[in-house]
Protein backbone atom coordinates (compact mmCIF):
# COMPACT_ATOMS: atom_id res chain seq x y z
CA MET A 1 161.04 0.16 -72.55
CA ARG A 2 158.89 -1.49 -75.21
CA LYS A 3 157.59 -4.25 -73.19
CA ILE A 4 157.03 -1.78 -70.29
CA VAL A 5 154.47 -0.13 -73.19
CA LEU A 6 152.68 -2.69 -74.66
CA ALA A 7 152.18 -4.27 -70.76
CA GLY A 8 150.80 -1.11 -69.60
CA ILE A 9 148.15 -1.03 -72.76
CA LEU A 10 147.89 -4.52 -72.05
CA SER A 11 147.08 -3.47 -68.38
CA VAL A 12 144.91 -0.61 -69.03
CA PHE A 13 142.58 -2.95 -72.49
CA LEU A 14 142.18 -5.88 -69.45
CA MET A 15 141.37 -3.12 -66.80
CA THR A 16 138.56 -1.18 -68.85
CA ALA A 17 137.47 -5.17 -70.38
CA CYS A 18 136.46 -5.80 -66.46
CA LYS A 19 135.06 -2.64 -65.96
CA LYS A 20 132.23 -3.28 -69.25
CA ASP A 21 131.70 -7.04 -67.66
CA ASP A 22 131.06 -5.21 -63.53
CA SER A 23 128.67 -3.50 -65.94
CA VAL A 24 127.10 -5.62 -67.67
CA ALA A 25 126.60 -7.61 -64.45
CA GLU A 26 125.02 -4.27 -62.45
CA LYS A 27 123.69 -3.44 -65.47
CA SER A 28 121.84 -7.83 -65.27
CA LEU A 29 121.60 -6.97 -61.48
CA GLU A 30 119.11 -4.15 -61.74
CA ALA A 31 117.35 -5.35 -64.43
CA GLN A 32 116.77 -9.00 -61.64
CA LYS A 33 115.44 -6.48 -58.97
CA LEU A 34 112.88 -5.25 -61.24
CA GLU A 35 111.27 -8.19 -62.42
CA PHE A 36 111.76 -9.86 -59.31
CA GLN A 37 109.38 -6.50 -57.56
CA ALA A 38 107.91 -7.02 -61.04
CA ARG A 39 106.04 -10.51 -59.23
CA GLN A 40 106.06 -9.04 -55.87
CA LEU A 41 103.33 -6.46 -56.82
CA GLU A 42 101.87 -8.33 -59.63
CA ILE A 43 101.81 -11.50 -56.51
CA GLU A 44 100.02 -9.33 -53.76
CA LYS A 45 97.39 -8.07 -56.79
CA GLN A 46 96.55 -11.37 -56.79
CA LYS A 47 96.26 -11.22 -52.60
CA LEU A 48 94.46 -8.55 -53.20
CA ALA A 49 91.96 -9.62 -55.56
CA ILE A 50 91.42 -13.32 -53.04
CA GLU A 51 90.28 -10.61 -50.42
CA LYS A 52 88.01 -9.09 -52.11
CA GLU A 53 86.12 -12.22 -53.65
CA LYS A 54 86.76 -13.56 -50.23
CA MET A 55 84.69 -10.62 -49.16
CA VAL A 56 81.59 -10.20 -51.63
CA TYR A 57 81.10 -13.95 -51.07
CA GLU A 58 80.95 -13.85 -47.15
CA ALA A 59 78.40 -10.04 -47.90
CA GLN A 60 76.88 -12.60 -50.28
CA LYS A 61 76.33 -15.25 -47.23
CA LYS A 62 75.65 -12.86 -45.18
CA ALA A 63 72.17 -11.58 -47.19
CA ASP A 64 71.64 -15.22 -47.82
CA SER A 65 71.58 -15.71 -44.46
CA ILE A 66 69.28 -12.84 -43.17
CA SER A 67 67.04 -13.30 -46.35
CA GLU A 68 66.62 -17.10 -45.45
CA THR A 69 65.69 -16.46 -41.60
CA LYS A 70 62.92 -14.20 -43.01
CA LYS A 71 61.29 -16.67 -44.90
CA ALA A 72 61.96 -19.59 -42.09
CA ARG A 73 60.05 -15.99 -39.45
CA ALA A 74 57.54 -14.89 -42.52
CA ALA A 75 56.83 -19.19 -42.77
CA ALA A 76 56.81 -19.53 -38.72
CA GLU A 77 54.42 -16.66 -38.46
CA ASN A 78 51.73 -17.95 -40.50
CA ASN A 79 52.14 -20.96 -39.45
CA SER A 80 51.16 -20.30 -35.79
CA ARG A 81 48.32 -18.19 -37.39
CA PRO A 82 44.67 -20.39 -35.77
CA GLN A 83 43.28 -22.01 -39.29
CA VAL A 84 40.18 -22.65 -39.52
CA ILE A 85 39.77 -27.18 -39.56
CA ARG A 86 35.47 -28.32 -40.44
CA GLU A 87 34.67 -32.05 -40.36
CA THR A 88 31.40 -32.77 -41.52
CA ARG A 89 30.04 -35.99 -40.64
CA THR A 90 27.05 -38.56 -43.05
CA VAL A 91 24.28 -40.18 -41.65
CA TYR A 92 22.27 -42.67 -43.23
CA ARG A 93 19.42 -43.18 -42.48
CA ASP A 94 17.15 -45.83 -43.21
CA ARG A 95 14.23 -44.35 -45.33
CA ASN A 96 11.45 -47.73 -45.14
CA SER A 97 11.27 -46.54 -41.39
CA ASN A 98 9.96 -43.07 -41.73
CA SER A 99 8.40 -44.12 -44.77
CA GLY A 100 4.99 -42.14 -43.52
CA SER A 101 3.26 -44.79 -41.78
CA SER A 102 2.42 -43.93 -37.87
CA GLY A 103 1.67 -47.66 -36.81
CA SER A 104 5.18 -48.43 -36.99
CA SER A 105 7.88 -45.84 -35.14
CA ASN A 106 10.95 -47.10 -34.30
CA GLY A 107 12.97 -45.01 -36.12
CA SER A 108 16.12 -46.53 -36.56
CA TYR A 109 18.91 -45.69 -38.18
CA ALA A 110 20.94 -48.03 -40.23
CA ASN A 111 24.22 -47.83 -39.53
CA ASN A 112 24.57 -47.12 -35.51
CA GLY A 113 28.09 -47.04 -34.61
CA SER A 114 28.15 -50.98 -34.63
CA GLY A 115 29.94 -51.39 -38.32
CA THR A 116 32.91 -49.88 -39.23
CA SER A 117 33.02 -46.50 -39.28
CA GLN A 118 34.02 -44.18 -42.12
CA GLY A 119 37.15 -42.04 -40.72
CA THR A 120 38.95 -45.14 -39.12
CA THR A 121 41.29 -47.66 -40.91
CA GLN A 122 42.58 -50.36 -40.09
CA LYS A 123 45.98 -51.71 -40.53
CA LYS A 124 47.48 -54.29 -42.27
CA GLY A 125 50.38 -56.99 -42.05
CA TRP A 126 51.75 -58.36 -38.87
CA SER A 127 52.04 -56.12 -35.83
CA LYS A 128 54.31 -56.04 -33.57
CA ALA A 129 53.48 -58.03 -30.76
CA ALA A 130 53.02 -61.19 -33.77
CA LYS A 131 56.20 -60.79 -35.21
CA GLY A 132 57.97 -60.55 -31.44
CA THR A 133 56.07 -63.70 -31.16
CA VAL A 134 57.15 -65.62 -33.46
CA ILE A 135 60.63 -64.62 -33.67
CA GLY A 136 60.98 -65.51 -29.90
CA THR A 137 59.06 -68.73 -30.11
CA VAL A 138 61.85 -70.49 -32.80
CA GLY A 139 64.80 -68.02 -30.97
CA GLY A 140 63.45 -69.54 -28.30
CA ALA A 141 63.06 -73.16 -29.22
CA ALA A 142 66.23 -73.04 -31.09
CA ALA A 143 68.39 -72.75 -27.75
CA GLY A 144 65.90 -74.38 -25.72
CA ALA A 145 66.77 -77.35 -27.48
CA LEU A 146 71.11 -76.75 -27.48
CA ILE A 147 70.92 -75.50 -24.02
CA ALA A 148 69.41 -79.64 -23.04
CA LYS A 149 71.26 -82.21 -23.12
CA LYS A 150 70.04 -84.97 -22.54
CA ASN A 151 65.69 -84.50 -23.77
CA ARG A 152 66.34 -81.67 -26.58
CA GLY A 153 61.95 -81.73 -27.08
CA LEU A 154 61.30 -80.81 -23.13
CA GLY A 155 64.31 -78.06 -23.83
CA ALA A 156 62.56 -77.11 -27.31
CA VAL A 157 59.66 -76.59 -25.20
CA ILE A 158 60.64 -74.65 -22.72
CA GLY A 159 62.64 -71.76 -24.87
CA GLY A 160 59.77 -71.74 -26.82
CA VAL A 161 56.70 -71.02 -23.95
CA VAL A 162 59.69 -68.22 -22.50
CA GLY A 163 61.11 -66.70 -26.05
CA GLY A 164 57.60 -66.82 -27.20
CA ALA A 165 56.51 -64.86 -23.25
CA THR A 166 59.69 -62.27 -24.07
CA GLY A 167 59.51 -61.55 -28.20
CA TYR A 168 55.49 -60.84 -27.75
CA THR A 169 55.52 -58.04 -24.89
CA ILE A 170 58.12 -56.46 -26.51
CA GLY A 171 56.71 -56.26 -29.51
CA ARG A 172 53.12 -54.86 -27.84
CA SER A 173 55.36 -52.77 -26.38
CA GLN A 174 56.34 -51.52 -29.77
CA ASP A 175 53.12 -51.37 -30.65
CA ARG A 176 52.58 -49.09 -28.58
CA LYS A 177 54.63 -46.80 -28.94
CA ASP A 178 54.38 -46.51 -32.01
CA GLY A 179 50.28 -46.47 -31.43
CA ARG A 180 48.98 -49.35 -33.19
CA VAL A 181 47.86 -50.32 -29.97
CA GLN A 182 46.06 -47.84 -27.62
CA PRO A 183 48.40 -47.54 -23.84
CA ARG A 184 46.83 -48.46 -20.71
C-alpha cells in the first residue's frame, strides 16, 4: 500500500510539474505573440511615415514644376515683346575739301565705302575649303602612289589632283553651312 500511495503522490507531483511548464510555455508564447504584433505595428508606422514623406515630396515637386512653368511663361512673355534696337552710324568726311573755298567743290567723302567697313570683322585662320584641299591632296597623293604599281609618281600626281578637288568641294560646302562663304 505504501508503494501505491507513494506512486500516487509521485504521479500527482509530476502532473503538477508538467502543468507548470505548460503554463510557462503558454505565457512565453503569448509574450512572443505580443512582441511580434508590436514589431508589426512599428513596421506599419514606418511604412506610413515613408508614404507621408513620399506624398510631401511629390507635392513639393509638383509645386516646383508649376513655379518653373510660370517663370518660363513670364520669360517667354518678356521675350515676345518687341525690343527697340537703335543703330548709329558714323560717317567721316574730309574737312579739307569743305573748307569754304568756292573754287574747289569736289565734296567727296574720305571713306565712301571703298575700304573696310567698321561693322564687318574678317575671320582669321584657314577656311574649311583650304583645309579640305590640303588634306585631300595629301591623302589622294598617298593613295595614288599606293594604287599605281608601275608608275608611282604619276599615280601620286593624279591622286593628289583628284583628292584636292574633292577636299575643296567638301570644305567649301561646310564653309557655306557655317556662313563663312555666302551660298550662291
